[in-house]
Amino acid sequence: MGIINYATFIIASFLFIISPGIDTVFILNKSIAQGRKSGIYATLGITTGVLVHTTLAAFGLSLILAQSAMAFSIIKYAGAAYLIGMGITKLFTGGNMIKQDGQTPLVSTRKTYVSAVFTNVLNPKVAIFFLAFFPQFIQPAYIHNARPFIFLGITYAVMGLLWLLVLTFFAGSFSVKLKNSPLIGTWLNKFSAIAFVLMGIKIAFTKR
């Protein structure tokens, strides 16, 4: 496969994965606000986004983002606009995000999955990170081969999936406790809306 220092890759990946970031905030938000089911769909969406970035890195498409300021800016501002738009919509929609019956409608879980995918895919820093991180564990002779990138990407995705599921089940327990408190649910809605806006602003000011 052309992979070197795989054990080191596992350790380094784990440290990166557990570091708080946009994905972590997104998962915690969905899990606490809408319960474990929504958190699981969000986790699957984030994992799908990671696999998309893996594919882009494997076939060299991420290199375009690394070398083209215009391409990087387009993806960056698209991601920022998406997150800020979600935050503003949630802020003006208002209401209690905690479902009184503890369940999340199917349409909501689908939207959660899609939102998670776009949140990850439209973050250009993830693409640049993969492009810079993975080659350190690939033999030079295999650097232009897609297979080692895909293998490392799948490894990273599986580790991320497991970690985010742990966060989902931990945070989801709070949803059960808070679902009967309308006041807390309303404030949680406002907090999550502001969190999305701040994440969007953070991406907008991201530099290559």
N, C-alpha and C. Protein backbone atom coordinates (compact mmCIF):
# COMPACT_ATOMS: atom_id res chain seq x y z
N MET A 1 0.82 -1.22 0.00
CA MET A 1 0.00 0.00 0.00
C MET A 1 0.85 1.27 0.00
N GLY A 2 2.13 1.14 0.31
CA GLY A 2 3.00 2.30 0.32
C GLY A 2 2.86 3.15 1.56
N ILE A 3 2.30 2.59 2.63
CA ILE A 3 2.08 3.34 3.86
C ILE A 3 3.21 3.08 4.85
N ILE A 4 3.67 4.13 5.51
CA ILE A 4 4.74 4.00 6.50
C ILE A 4 4.27 4.59 7.83
N ASN A 5 4.86 4.10 8.93
CA ASN A 5 4.57 4.63 10.27
C ASN A 5 3.06 4.68 10.55
N TYR A 6 2.39 3.57 10.27
CA TYR A 6 0.93 3.52 10.42
C TYR A 6 0.51 3.72 11.87
N ALA A 7 1.27 3.16 12.82
CA ALA A 7 0.94 3.33 14.23
C ALA A 7 1.00 4.81 14.63
N THR A 8 2.01 5.51 14.11
CA THR A 8 2.12 6.94 14.39
C THR A 8 0.94 7.70 13.80
N PHE A 9 0.50 7.27 12.63
CA PHE A 9 -0.67 7.88 11.99
C PHE A 9 -1.90 7.73 12.87
N ILE A 10 -2.07 6.53 13.44
CA ILE A 10 -3.22 6.27 14.31
C ILE A 10 -3.21 7.22 15.51
N ILE A 11 -2.06 7.34 16.14
CA ILE A 11 -1.94 8.19 17.33
C ILE A 11 -2.18 9.66 16.98
N ALA A 12 -1.53 10.12 15.91
CA ALA A 12 -1.68 11.52 15.50
C ALA A 12 -3.12 11.82 15.11
N SER A 13 -3.73 10.89 14.40
CA SER A 13 -5.12 11.08 13.96
C SER A 13 -6.05 11.18 15.17
N PHE A 14 -5.83 10.33 16.15
CA PHE A 14 -6.67 10.34 17.34
C PHE A 14 -6.59 11.69 18.06
N LEU A 15 -5.39 12.23 18.14
CA LEU A 15 -5.21 13.53 18.80
C LEU A 15 -5.91 14.64 18.03
N PHE A 16 -5.83 14.58 16.70
CA PHE A 16 -6.52 15.58 15.89
C PHE A 16 -8.04 15.43 16.04
N ILE A 17 -8.51 14.20 16.04
CA ILE A 17 -9.96 13.94 16.08
C ILE A 17 -10.59 14.42 17.38
N ILE A 18 -9.92 14.21 18.49
CA ILE A 18 -10.51 14.58 19.78
C ILE A 18 -10.35 16.08 20.09
N SER A 19 -9.57 16.77 19.27
CA SER A 19 -9.42 18.22 19.46
C SER A 19 -10.73 18.90 19.07
N PRO A 20 -11.28 19.77 19.92
CA PRO A 20 -12.55 20.44 19.61
C PRO A 20 -12.47 21.25 18.33
N GLY A 21 -13.49 21.13 17.50
CA GLY A 21 -13.54 21.86 16.25
C GLY A 21 -14.98 22.05 15.81
N ILE A 22 -15.16 22.49 14.57
CA ILE A 22 -16.50 22.73 14.04
C ILE A 22 -17.35 21.47 14.05
N ASP A 23 -16.75 20.34 13.67
CA ASP A 23 -17.49 19.08 13.66
C ASP A 23 -17.98 18.71 15.05
N THR A 24 -17.12 18.89 16.04
CA THR A 24 -17.48 18.57 17.42
C THR A 24 -18.65 19.43 17.89
N VAL A 25 -18.58 20.73 17.62
CA VAL A 25 -19.64 21.65 18.02
C VAL A 25 -20.95 21.26 17.35
N PHE A 26 -20.88 20.91 16.07
CA PHE A 26 -22.07 20.54 15.31
C PHE A 26 -22.72 19.29 15.92
N ILE A 27 -21.92 18.28 16.21
CA ILE A 27 -22.43 17.03 16.78
C ILE A 27 -23.06 17.27 18.16
N LEU A 28 -22.37 18.00 19.02
CA LEU A 28 -22.89 18.28 20.35
C LEU A 28 -24.19 19.06 20.28
N ASN A 29 -24.24 20.02 19.37
CA ASN A 29 -25.44 20.82 19.20
C ASN A 29 -26.64 19.96 18.82
N LYS A 30 -26.47 19.11 17.82
CA LYS A 30 -27.56 18.27 17.36
C LYS A 30 -27.96 17.23 18.40
N SER A 31 -26.97 16.66 19.08
CA SER A 31 -27.24 15.60 20.06
C SER A 31 -28.00 16.13 21.26
N ILE A 32 -27.58 17.29 21.76
CA ILE A 32 -28.24 17.86 22.93
C ILE A 32 -29.61 18.43 22.57
N ALA A 33 -29.68 19.12 21.43
CA ALA A 33 -30.91 19.79 21.05
C ALA A 33 -31.99 18.83 20.56
N GLN A 34 -31.59 17.81 19.78
CA GLN A 34 -32.58 16.95 19.14
C GLN A 34 -32.47 15.48 19.51
N GLY A 35 -31.54 15.15 20.37
CA GLY A 35 -31.44 13.77 20.82
C GLY A 35 -30.40 12.94 20.09
N ARG A 36 -30.22 11.72 20.57
CA ARG A 36 -29.18 10.84 20.04
C ARG A 36 -29.39 10.48 18.58
N LYS A 37 -30.66 10.28 18.19
CA LYS A 37 -30.93 9.89 16.80
C LYS A 37 -30.43 10.95 15.84
N SER A 38 -30.72 12.20 16.15
CA SER A 38 -30.24 13.30 15.31
C SER A 38 -28.72 13.38 15.34
N GLY A 39 -28.12 13.13 16.52
CA GLY A 39 -26.66 13.14 16.64
C GLY A 39 -26.01 12.06 15.80
N ILE A 40 -26.66 10.90 15.73
CA ILE A 40 -26.12 9.80 14.92
C ILE A 40 -26.15 10.16 13.44
N TYR A 41 -27.26 10.76 12.99
CA TYR A 41 -27.35 11.18 11.59
C TYR A 41 -26.30 12.25 11.28
N ALA A 42 -26.08 13.16 12.24
CA ALA A 42 -25.07 14.19 12.06
C ALA A 42 -23.68 13.56 11.97
N THR A 43 -23.43 12.56 12.80
CA THR A 43 -22.16 11.84 12.78
C THR A 43 -21.93 11.16 11.44
N LEU A 44 -22.98 10.53 10.92
CA LEU A 44 -22.87 9.87 9.61
C LEU A 44 -22.61 10.91 8.51
N GLY A 45 -23.22 12.09 8.66
CA GLY A 45 -22.99 13.15 7.67
C GLY A 45 -21.56 13.66 7.70
N ILE A 46 -21.04 13.87 8.90
CA ILE A 46 -19.65 14.32 9.05
C ILE A 46 -18.70 13.27 8.47
N THR A 47 -18.97 11.99 8.75
CA THR A 47 -18.13 10.91 8.24
C THR A 47 -18.18 10.86 6.72
N THR A 48 -19.35 11.10 6.15
CA THR A 48 -19.47 11.16 4.69
C THR A 48 -18.62 12.28 4.13
N GLY A 49 -18.63 13.42 4.82
CA GLY A 49 -17.81 14.55 4.39
C GLY A 49 -16.33 14.22 4.42
N VAL A 50 -15.90 13.49 5.45
CA VAL A 50 -14.50 13.07 5.55
C VAL A 50 -14.13 12.17 4.37
N LEU A 51 -15.03 11.27 4.00
CA LEU A 51 -14.76 10.38 2.87
C LEU A 51 -14.72 11.15 1.55
N VAL A 52 -15.52 12.20 1.46
CA VAL A 52 -15.48 13.06 0.26
C VAL A 52 -14.11 13.73 0.16
N HIS A 53 -13.65 14.28 1.28
CA HIS A 53 -12.33 14.92 1.29
C HIS A 53 -11.22 13.91 1.00
N THR A 54 -11.40 12.69 1.48
CA THR A 54 -10.43 11.62 1.21
C THR A 54 -10.34 11.35 -0.29
N THR A 55 -11.49 11.27 -0.93
CA THR A 55 -11.53 11.04 -2.38
C THR A 55 -10.87 12.18 -3.14
N LEU A 56 -11.16 13.41 -2.71
CA LEU A 56 -10.56 14.57 -3.36
C LEU A 56 -9.04 14.56 -3.21
N ALA A 57 -8.57 14.22 -2.02
CA ALA A 57 -7.13 14.17 -1.78
C ALA A 57 -6.49 13.04 -2.58
N ALA A 58 -7.19 11.90 -2.67
CA ALA A 58 -6.64 10.74 -3.38
C ALA A 58 -6.43 11.01 -4.85
N PHE A 59 -7.31 11.78 -5.44
CA PHE A 59 -7.21 12.04 -6.87
C PHE A 59 -6.65 13.42 -7.18
N GLY A 60 -6.08 14.05 -6.16
CA GLY A 60 -5.36 15.30 -6.38
C GLY A 60 -6.21 16.54 -6.50
N LEU A 61 -7.52 16.41 -6.33
CA LEU A 61 -8.38 17.57 -6.48
C LEU A 61 -8.20 18.59 -5.35
N SER A 62 -7.80 18.10 -4.18
CA SER A 62 -7.55 19.02 -3.06
C SER A 62 -6.37 19.93 -3.35
N LEU A 63 -5.51 19.48 -4.25
CA LEU A 63 -4.35 20.29 -4.62
C LEU A 63 -4.78 21.60 -5.26
N ILE A 64 -5.94 21.56 -5.92
CA ILE A 64 -6.47 22.77 -6.54
C ILE A 64 -6.77 23.82 -5.47
N LEU A 65 -7.36 23.36 -4.36
CA LEU A 65 -7.65 24.29 -3.26
C LEU A 65 -6.38 24.84 -2.64
N ALA A 66 -5.35 23.99 -2.60
CA ALA A 66 -4.09 24.41 -1.99
C ALA A 66 -3.36 25.42 -2.85
N GLN A 67 -3.51 25.30 -4.18
CA GLN A 67 -2.74 26.15 -5.09
C GLN A 67 -3.54 27.33 -5.65
N SER A 68 -4.85 27.22 -5.65
CA SER A 68 -5.68 28.28 -6.22
C SER A 68 -6.37 29.09 -5.12
N ALA A 69 -6.02 30.35 -5.03
CA ALA A 69 -6.63 31.23 -4.03
C ALA A 69 -8.12 31.42 -4.33
N MET A 70 -8.46 31.46 -5.61
CA MET A 70 -9.86 31.66 -5.98
C MET A 70 -10.71 30.46 -5.58
N ALA A 71 -10.22 29.26 -5.90
CA ALA A 71 -10.97 28.04 -5.55
C ALA A 71 -11.14 27.93 -4.04
N PHE A 72 -10.07 28.23 -3.31
CA PHE A 72 -10.12 28.18 -1.85
C PHE A 72 -11.16 29.16 -1.32
N SER A 73 -11.17 30.37 -1.87
CA SER A 73 -12.09 31.40 -1.41
C SER A 73 -13.54 31.03 -1.71
N ILE A 74 -13.77 30.44 -2.88
CA ILE A 74 -15.14 30.06 -3.26
C ILE A 74 -15.70 29.05 -2.28
N ILE A 75 -14.92 28.00 -1.99
CA ILE A 75 -15.37 26.98 -1.05
C ILE A 75 -15.51 27.56 0.35
N LYS A 76 -14.54 28.40 0.72
CA LYS A 76 -14.55 29.00 2.07
C LYS A 76 -15.81 29.84 2.29
N TYR A 77 -16.11 30.73 1.36
CA TYR A 77 -17.25 31.62 1.54
C TYR A 77 -18.58 30.89 1.37
N ALA A 78 -18.58 29.85 0.56
CA ALA A 78 -19.79 29.03 0.42
C ALA A 78 -20.10 28.34 1.75
N GLY A 79 -19.05 27.79 2.38
CA GLY A 79 -19.23 27.15 3.67
C GLY A 79 -19.65 28.13 4.75
N ALA A 80 -19.02 29.31 4.73
CA ALA A 80 -19.35 30.34 5.73
C ALA A 80 -20.80 30.79 5.56
N ALA A 81 -21.20 31.03 4.33
CA ALA A 81 -22.57 31.48 4.06
C ALA A 81 -23.59 30.42 4.47
N TYR A 82 -23.24 29.16 4.24
CA TYR A 82 -24.16 28.07 4.60
C TYR A 82 -24.38 28.02 6.12
N LEU A 83 -23.30 28.08 6.89
CA LEU A 83 -23.41 28.02 8.34
C LEU A 83 -24.10 29.26 8.91
N ILE A 84 -23.73 30.42 8.42
CA ILE A 84 -24.35 31.65 8.91
C ILE A 84 -25.84 31.66 8.55
N GLY A 85 -26.18 31.19 7.35
CA GLY A 85 -27.58 31.11 6.95
C GLY A 85 -28.38 30.19 7.86
N MET A 86 -27.79 29.04 8.21
CA MET A 86 -28.46 28.12 9.14
C MET A 86 -28.66 28.78 10.49
N GLY A 87 -27.63 29.48 10.97
CA GLY A 87 -27.72 30.12 12.27
C GLY A 87 -28.80 31.20 12.31
N ILE A 88 -28.84 32.03 11.27
CA ILE A 88 -29.84 33.11 11.22
C ILE A 88 -31.25 32.53 11.13
N THR A 89 -31.41 31.47 10.33
CA THR A 89 -32.72 30.83 10.21
C THR A 89 -33.19 30.29 11.54
N LYS A 90 -32.29 29.63 12.27
CA LYS A 90 -32.63 29.08 13.58
C LYS A 90 -32.95 30.19 14.58
N LEU A 91 -32.21 31.30 14.48
CA LEU A 91 -32.39 32.40 15.43
C LEU A 91 -33.76 33.05 15.27
N PHE A 92 -34.18 33.25 14.01
CA PHE A 92 -35.45 33.92 13.77
C PHE A 92 -36.64 32.96 13.81
N THR A 93 -36.34 31.67 13.66
CA THR A 93 -37.42 30.68 13.77
C THR A 93 -37.85 30.55 15.21
N GLY A 94 -36.83 30.53 16.10
CA GLY A 94 -37.10 30.47 17.53
C GLY A 94 -37.72 29.16 17.94
N GLY A 95 -38.35 29.15 19.11
CA GLY A 95 -39.02 27.95 19.57
C GLY A 95 -38.12 27.06 20.40
N ASN A 96 -38.70 25.96 20.85
CA ASN A 96 -37.99 24.99 21.68
C ASN A 96 -37.45 23.88 20.81
N MET A 97 -36.14 23.71 20.79
CA MET A 97 -35.53 22.69 19.94
C MET A 97 -35.67 21.30 20.52
N ILE A 98 -35.97 21.18 21.79
CA ILE A 98 -36.08 19.87 22.41
C ILE A 98 -37.47 19.32 22.15
N LYS A 99 -37.56 18.19 21.46
CA LYS A 99 -38.83 17.58 21.15
C LYS A 99 -39.47 17.04 22.44
N GLN A 100 -40.73 17.36 22.62
CA GLN A 100 -41.41 16.94 23.84
C GLN A 100 -41.57 15.43 23.96
N ASP A 101 -41.63 14.75 22.83
CA ASP A 101 -41.75 13.29 22.87
C ASP A 101 -40.41 12.60 22.76
N GLY A 102 -39.33 13.43 22.69
CA GLY A 102 -37.99 12.86 22.66
C GLY A 102 -37.62 12.26 21.31
N GLN A 103 -38.48 12.47 20.29
CA GLN A 103 -38.21 11.88 18.98
C GLN A 103 -37.90 12.98 17.98
N THR A 104 -37.17 12.63 16.92
CA THR A 104 -36.85 13.56 15.86
C THR A 104 -37.49 13.08 14.58
N PRO A 105 -38.32 13.90 13.89
CA PRO A 105 -38.99 13.46 12.68
C PRO A 105 -37.99 13.02 11.61
N LEU A 106 -38.42 12.14 10.71
CA LEU A 106 -37.55 11.62 9.67
C LEU A 106 -37.01 12.72 8.78
N VAL A 107 -37.87 13.68 8.43
CA VAL A 107 -37.43 14.77 7.57
C VAL A 107 -36.33 15.57 8.26
N SER A 108 -36.41 15.70 9.59
CA SER A 108 -35.40 16.44 10.34
C SER A 108 -34.06 15.70 10.33
N THR A 109 -34.11 14.38 10.46
CA THR A 109 -32.87 13.62 10.45
C THR A 109 -32.20 13.68 9.09
N ARG A 110 -32.99 13.69 8.04
CA ARG A 110 -32.42 13.83 6.69
C ARG A 110 -31.75 15.18 6.53
N LYS A 111 -32.42 16.22 7.01
CA LYS A 111 -31.83 17.55 6.94
C LYS A 111 -30.57 17.63 7.78
N THR A 112 -30.59 16.96 8.93
CA THR A 112 -29.41 16.94 9.79
C THR A 112 -28.24 16.28 9.08
N TYR A 113 -28.50 15.16 8.41
CA TYR A 113 -27.45 14.46 7.68
C TYR A 113 -26.86 15.33 6.58
N VAL A 114 -27.74 15.93 5.79
CA VAL A 114 -27.28 16.78 4.68
C VAL A 114 -26.51 17.99 5.21
N SER A 115 -27.02 18.59 6.28
CA SER A 115 -26.34 19.74 6.87
C SER A 115 -24.94 19.37 7.34
N ALA A 116 -24.82 18.19 7.96
CA ALA A 116 -23.52 17.74 8.44
C ALA A 116 -22.55 17.51 7.29
N VAL A 117 -23.05 16.94 6.20
CA VAL A 117 -22.21 16.71 5.02
C VAL A 117 -21.67 18.03 4.49
N PHE A 118 -22.57 18.99 4.31
CA PHE A 118 -22.16 20.29 3.77
C PHE A 118 -21.25 21.04 4.73
N THR A 119 -21.52 20.92 6.03
CA THR A 119 -20.68 21.59 7.02
C THR A 119 -19.23 21.12 6.91
N ASN A 120 -19.03 19.83 6.68
CA ASN A 120 -17.68 19.29 6.57
C ASN A 120 -17.07 19.53 5.18
N VAL A 121 -17.84 19.24 4.14
CA VAL A 121 -17.32 19.36 2.77
C VAL A 121 -16.97 20.80 2.42
N LEU A 122 -17.76 21.76 2.91
CA LEU A 122 -17.53 23.16 2.57
C LEU A 122 -16.55 23.85 3.50
N ASN A 123 -15.81 23.06 4.25
CA ASN A 123 -14.73 23.61 5.08
C ASN A 123 -13.40 23.31 4.37
N PRO A 124 -12.84 24.30 3.68
CA PRO A 124 -11.62 24.06 2.90
C PRO A 124 -10.41 23.66 3.74
N LYS A 125 -10.43 24.01 5.02
CA LYS A 125 -9.31 23.66 5.89
C LYS A 125 -9.17 22.15 6.04
N VAL A 126 -10.29 21.43 5.95
CA VAL A 126 -10.24 19.97 6.05
C VAL A 126 -9.50 19.41 4.84
N ALA A 127 -9.81 19.93 3.66
CA ALA A 127 -9.15 19.47 2.44
C ALA A 127 -7.65 19.73 2.49
N ILE A 128 -7.28 20.92 2.93
CA ILE A 128 -5.87 21.28 3.02
C ILE A 128 -5.17 20.41 4.07
N PHE A 129 -5.86 20.15 5.17
CA PHE A 129 -5.29 19.32 6.23
C PHE A 129 -4.99 17.92 5.71
N PHE A 130 -5.93 17.30 5.02
CA PHE A 130 -5.71 15.96 4.49
C PHE A 130 -4.55 15.95 3.50
N LEU A 131 -4.50 16.99 2.68
CA LEU A 131 -3.45 17.05 1.65
C LEU A 131 -2.08 17.21 2.29
N ALA A 132 -1.99 17.86 3.44
CA ALA A 132 -0.71 18.06 4.12
C ALA A 132 -0.37 16.92 5.07
N PHE A 133 -1.40 16.30 5.65
CA PHE A 133 -1.18 15.29 6.70
C PHE A 133 -0.90 13.90 6.13
N PHE A 134 -1.70 13.45 5.21
CA PHE A 134 -1.59 12.08 4.70
C PHE A 134 -0.24 11.76 4.04
N PRO A 135 0.31 12.66 3.20
CA PRO A 135 1.57 12.33 2.52
C PRO A 135 2.74 12.02 3.47
N GLN A 136 2.65 12.48 4.71
CA GLN A 136 3.72 12.21 5.67
C GLN A 136 3.81 10.72 6.01
N PHE A 137 2.77 9.98 5.70
CA PHE A 137 2.73 8.55 6.02
C PHE A 137 2.64 7.68 4.77
N ILE A 138 3.05 8.27 3.65
CA ILE A 138 3.04 7.55 2.37
C ILE A 138 4.44 7.58 1.77
N GLN A 139 4.91 6.45 1.31
CA GLN A 139 6.22 6.39 0.68
C GLN A 139 6.23 7.26 -0.57
N PRO A 140 7.34 7.97 -0.83
CA PRO A 140 7.42 8.87 -1.98
C PRO A 140 7.02 8.22 -3.30
N ALA A 141 7.36 6.97 -3.47
CA ALA A 141 7.05 6.28 -4.73
C ALA A 141 5.54 6.09 -4.92
N TYR A 142 4.77 6.18 -3.84
CA TYR A 142 3.32 5.95 -3.90
C TYR A 142 2.52 7.24 -3.73
N ILE A 143 3.21 8.38 -3.72
CA ILE A 143 2.55 9.63 -3.41
C ILE A 143 1.48 10.01 -4.42
N HIS A 144 1.62 9.51 -5.66
CA HIS A 144 0.63 9.82 -6.70
C HIS A 144 -0.35 8.67 -6.91
N ASN A 145 -0.34 7.72 -5.98
CA ASN A 145 -1.24 6.58 -6.04
C ASN A 145 -2.43 6.85 -5.11
N ALA A 146 -3.64 6.60 -5.59
CA ALA A 146 -4.83 6.90 -4.81
C ALA A 146 -5.04 5.93 -3.65
N ARG A 147 -4.54 4.70 -3.76
CA ARG A 147 -4.84 3.68 -2.76
C ARG A 147 -4.38 4.02 -1.34
N PRO A 148 -3.15 4.49 -1.13
CA PRO A 148 -2.76 4.83 0.25
C PRO A 148 -3.57 5.97 0.83
N PHE A 149 -3.93 6.95 0.00
CA PHE A 149 -4.77 8.05 0.47
C PHE A 149 -6.13 7.53 0.93
N ILE A 150 -6.71 6.65 0.13
CA ILE A 150 -8.03 6.10 0.45
C ILE A 150 -7.96 5.26 1.72
N PHE A 151 -6.92 4.45 1.86
CA PHE A 151 -6.79 3.61 3.05
C PHE A 151 -6.64 4.45 4.31
N LEU A 152 -5.77 5.46 4.24
CA LEU A 152 -5.58 6.34 5.39
C LEU A 152 -6.86 7.13 5.69
N GLY A 153 -7.55 7.54 4.63
CA GLY A 153 -8.78 8.30 4.80
C GLY A 153 -9.87 7.48 5.46
N ILE A 154 -9.99 6.22 5.06
CA ILE A 154 -10.98 5.34 5.66
C ILE A 154 -10.65 5.10 7.13
N THR A 155 -9.36 4.92 7.41
CA THR A 155 -8.93 4.75 8.80
C THR A 155 -9.31 5.96 9.64
N TYR A 156 -9.02 7.14 9.10
CA TYR A 156 -9.34 8.39 9.80
C TYR A 156 -10.84 8.53 9.99
N ALA A 157 -11.62 8.17 8.96
CA ALA A 157 -13.07 8.29 9.02
C ALA A 157 -13.66 7.36 10.07
N VAL A 158 -13.17 6.13 10.14
CA VAL A 158 -13.68 5.16 11.11
C VAL A 158 -13.37 5.63 12.54
N MET A 159 -12.16 6.12 12.75
CA MET A 159 -11.79 6.62 14.07
C MET A 159 -12.66 7.81 14.45
N GLY A 160 -12.87 8.70 13.49
CA GLY A 160 -13.72 9.86 13.75
C GLY A 160 -15.15 9.46 14.04
N LEU A 161 -15.64 8.46 13.30
CA LEU A 161 -17.00 7.97 13.50
C LEU A 161 -17.19 7.45 14.93
N LEU A 162 -16.24 6.64 15.38
CA LEU A 162 -16.34 6.07 16.72
C LEU A 162 -16.31 7.16 17.80
N TRP A 163 -15.41 8.14 17.63
CA TRP A 163 -15.30 9.21 18.61
C TRP A 163 -16.56 10.06 18.66
N LEU A 164 -17.09 10.40 17.49
CA LEU A 164 -18.29 11.24 17.44
C LEU A 164 -19.51 10.49 17.98
N LEU A 165 -19.54 9.18 17.81
CA LEU A 165 -20.64 8.40 18.38
C LEU A 165 -20.58 8.43 19.91
N VAL A 166 -19.36 8.40 20.45
CA VAL A 166 -19.20 8.51 21.90
C VAL A 166 -19.75 9.85 22.38
N LEU A 167 -19.40 10.93 21.67
CA LEU A 167 -19.90 12.25 22.03
C LEU A 167 -21.42 12.31 21.89
N THR A 168 -21.93 11.67 20.84
CA THR A 168 -23.37 11.68 20.59
C THR A 168 -24.15 11.03 21.74
N PHE A 169 -23.71 9.86 22.17
CA PHE A 169 -24.41 9.17 23.24
C PHE A 169 -24.26 9.88 24.58
N PHE A 170 -23.11 10.52 24.77
CA PHE A 170 -22.90 11.27 26.01
C PHE A 170 -23.80 12.51 26.03
N ALA A 171 -23.76 13.28 24.93
CA ALA A 171 -24.53 14.52 24.86
C ALA A 171 -26.02 14.24 24.75
N GLY A 172 -26.38 13.12 24.09
CA GLY A 172 -27.79 12.79 23.93
C GLY A 172 -28.51 12.57 25.25
N SER A 173 -27.79 12.17 26.27
CA SER A 173 -28.41 11.94 27.58
C SER A 173 -28.96 13.24 28.15
N PHE A 174 -28.34 14.37 27.80
CA PHE A 174 -28.82 15.65 28.28
C PHE A 174 -30.14 16.02 27.61
N SER A 175 -30.33 15.56 26.37
CA SER A 175 -31.57 15.85 25.66
C SER A 175 -32.76 15.25 26.39
N VAL A 176 -32.59 14.03 26.89
CA VAL A 176 -33.66 13.36 27.63
C VAL A 176 -34.02 14.14 28.88
N LYS A 177 -33.03 14.69 29.55
CA LYS A 177 -33.25 15.42 30.79
C LYS A 177 -33.87 16.80 30.55
N LEU A 178 -33.58 17.38 29.39
CA LEU A 178 -34.01 18.75 29.12
C LEU A 178 -35.29 18.85 28.30
N LYS A 179 -35.75 17.72 27.76
CA LYS A 179 -36.86 17.78 26.79
C LYS A 179 -38.15 18.34 27.38
N ASN A 180 -38.34 18.26 28.70
CA ASN A 180 -39.55 18.75 29.33
C ASN A 180 -39.41 20.17 29.88
N SER A 181 -38.33 20.85 29.50
CA SER A 181 -38.11 22.22 29.96
C SER A 181 -38.15 23.17 28.77
N PRO A 182 -39.31 23.76 28.46
CA PRO A 182 -39.44 24.66 27.31
C PRO A 182 -38.49 25.84 27.36
N LEU A 183 -38.29 26.40 28.55
CA LEU A 183 -37.43 27.58 28.68
C LEU A 183 -35.99 27.25 28.29
N ILE A 184 -35.49 26.12 28.80
CA ILE A 184 -34.12 25.70 28.47
C ILE A 184 -34.02 25.41 26.98
N GLY A 185 -35.05 24.77 26.41
CA GLY A 185 -35.04 24.46 24.99
C GLY A 185 -34.99 25.71 24.13
N THR A 186 -35.70 26.75 24.54
CA THR A 186 -35.71 28.01 23.80
C THR A 186 -34.34 28.67 23.83
N TRP A 187 -33.73 28.69 25.01
CA TRP A 187 -32.39 29.28 25.11
C TRP A 187 -31.36 28.43 24.38
N LEU A 188 -31.55 27.14 24.37
CA LEU A 188 -30.64 26.27 23.65
C LEU A 188 -30.72 26.54 22.15
N ASN A 189 -31.93 26.85 21.67
CA ASN A 189 -32.11 27.19 20.27
C ASN A 189 -31.33 28.45 19.92
N LYS A 190 -31.40 29.45 20.80
CA LYS A 190 -30.68 30.70 20.56
C LYS A 190 -29.16 30.47 20.61
N PHE A 191 -28.73 29.66 21.57
CA PHE A 191 -27.30 29.39 21.71
C PHE A 191 -26.78 28.66 20.48
N SER A 192 -27.52 27.67 19.99
CA SER A 192 -27.06 26.90 18.84
C SER A 192 -27.03 27.77 17.58
N ALA A 193 -28.01 28.68 17.47
CA ALA A 193 -28.03 29.59 16.32
C ALA A 193 -26.78 30.47 16.31
N ILE A 194 -26.45 31.01 17.47
CA ILE A 194 -25.26 31.86 17.59
C ILE A 194 -23.99 31.04 17.30
N ALA A 195 -23.98 29.78 17.74
CA ALA A 195 -22.82 28.91 17.51
C ALA A 195 -22.60 28.70 16.02
N PHE A 196 -23.68 28.48 15.26
CA PHE A 196 -23.55 28.29 13.82
C PHE A 196 -23.03 29.56 13.14
N VAL A 197 -23.53 30.71 13.58
CA VAL A 197 -23.07 31.97 12.99
C VAL A 197 -21.59 32.18 13.27
N LEU A 198 -21.16 31.89 14.49
CA LEU A 198 -19.75 32.05 14.85
C LEU A 198 -18.86 31.08 14.07
N MET A 199 -19.35 29.85 13.85
CA MET A 199 -18.58 28.89 13.05
C MET A 199 -18.43 29.39 11.62
N GLY A 200 -19.51 29.98 11.09
CA GLY A 200 -19.45 30.52 9.74
C GLY A 200 -18.47 31.66 9.62
N ILE A 201 -18.47 32.54 10.64
CA ILE A 201 -17.53 33.66 10.64
C ILE A 201 -16.09 33.15 10.73
N LYS A 202 -15.90 32.09 11.54
CA LYS A 202 -14.55 31.53 11.67
C LYS A 202 -14.04 31.01 10.35
N ILE A 203 -14.90 30.32 9.60
CA ILE A 203 -14.50 29.81 8.29
C ILE A 203 -14.24 30.95 7.32
N ALA A 204 -15.08 32.00 7.39
CA ALA A 204 -14.93 33.14 6.47
C ALA A 204 -13.58 33.82 6.62
N PHE A 205 -13.04 33.83 7.84
CA PHE A 205 -11.75 34.48 8.08
C PHE A 205 -10.58 33.50 8.08
N THR A 206 -10.85 32.27 7.63
CA THR A 206 -9.79 31.28 7.52
C THR A 206 -8.82 31.62 6.40
N LYS A 207 -7.55 31.43 6.67
CA LYS A 207 -6.52 31.66 5.66
C LYS A 207 -5.88 30.33 5.28
N ARG A 208 -5.37 30.27 4.07
CA ARG A 208 -4.73 29.03 3.61
C ARG A 208 -3.46 28.75 4.39
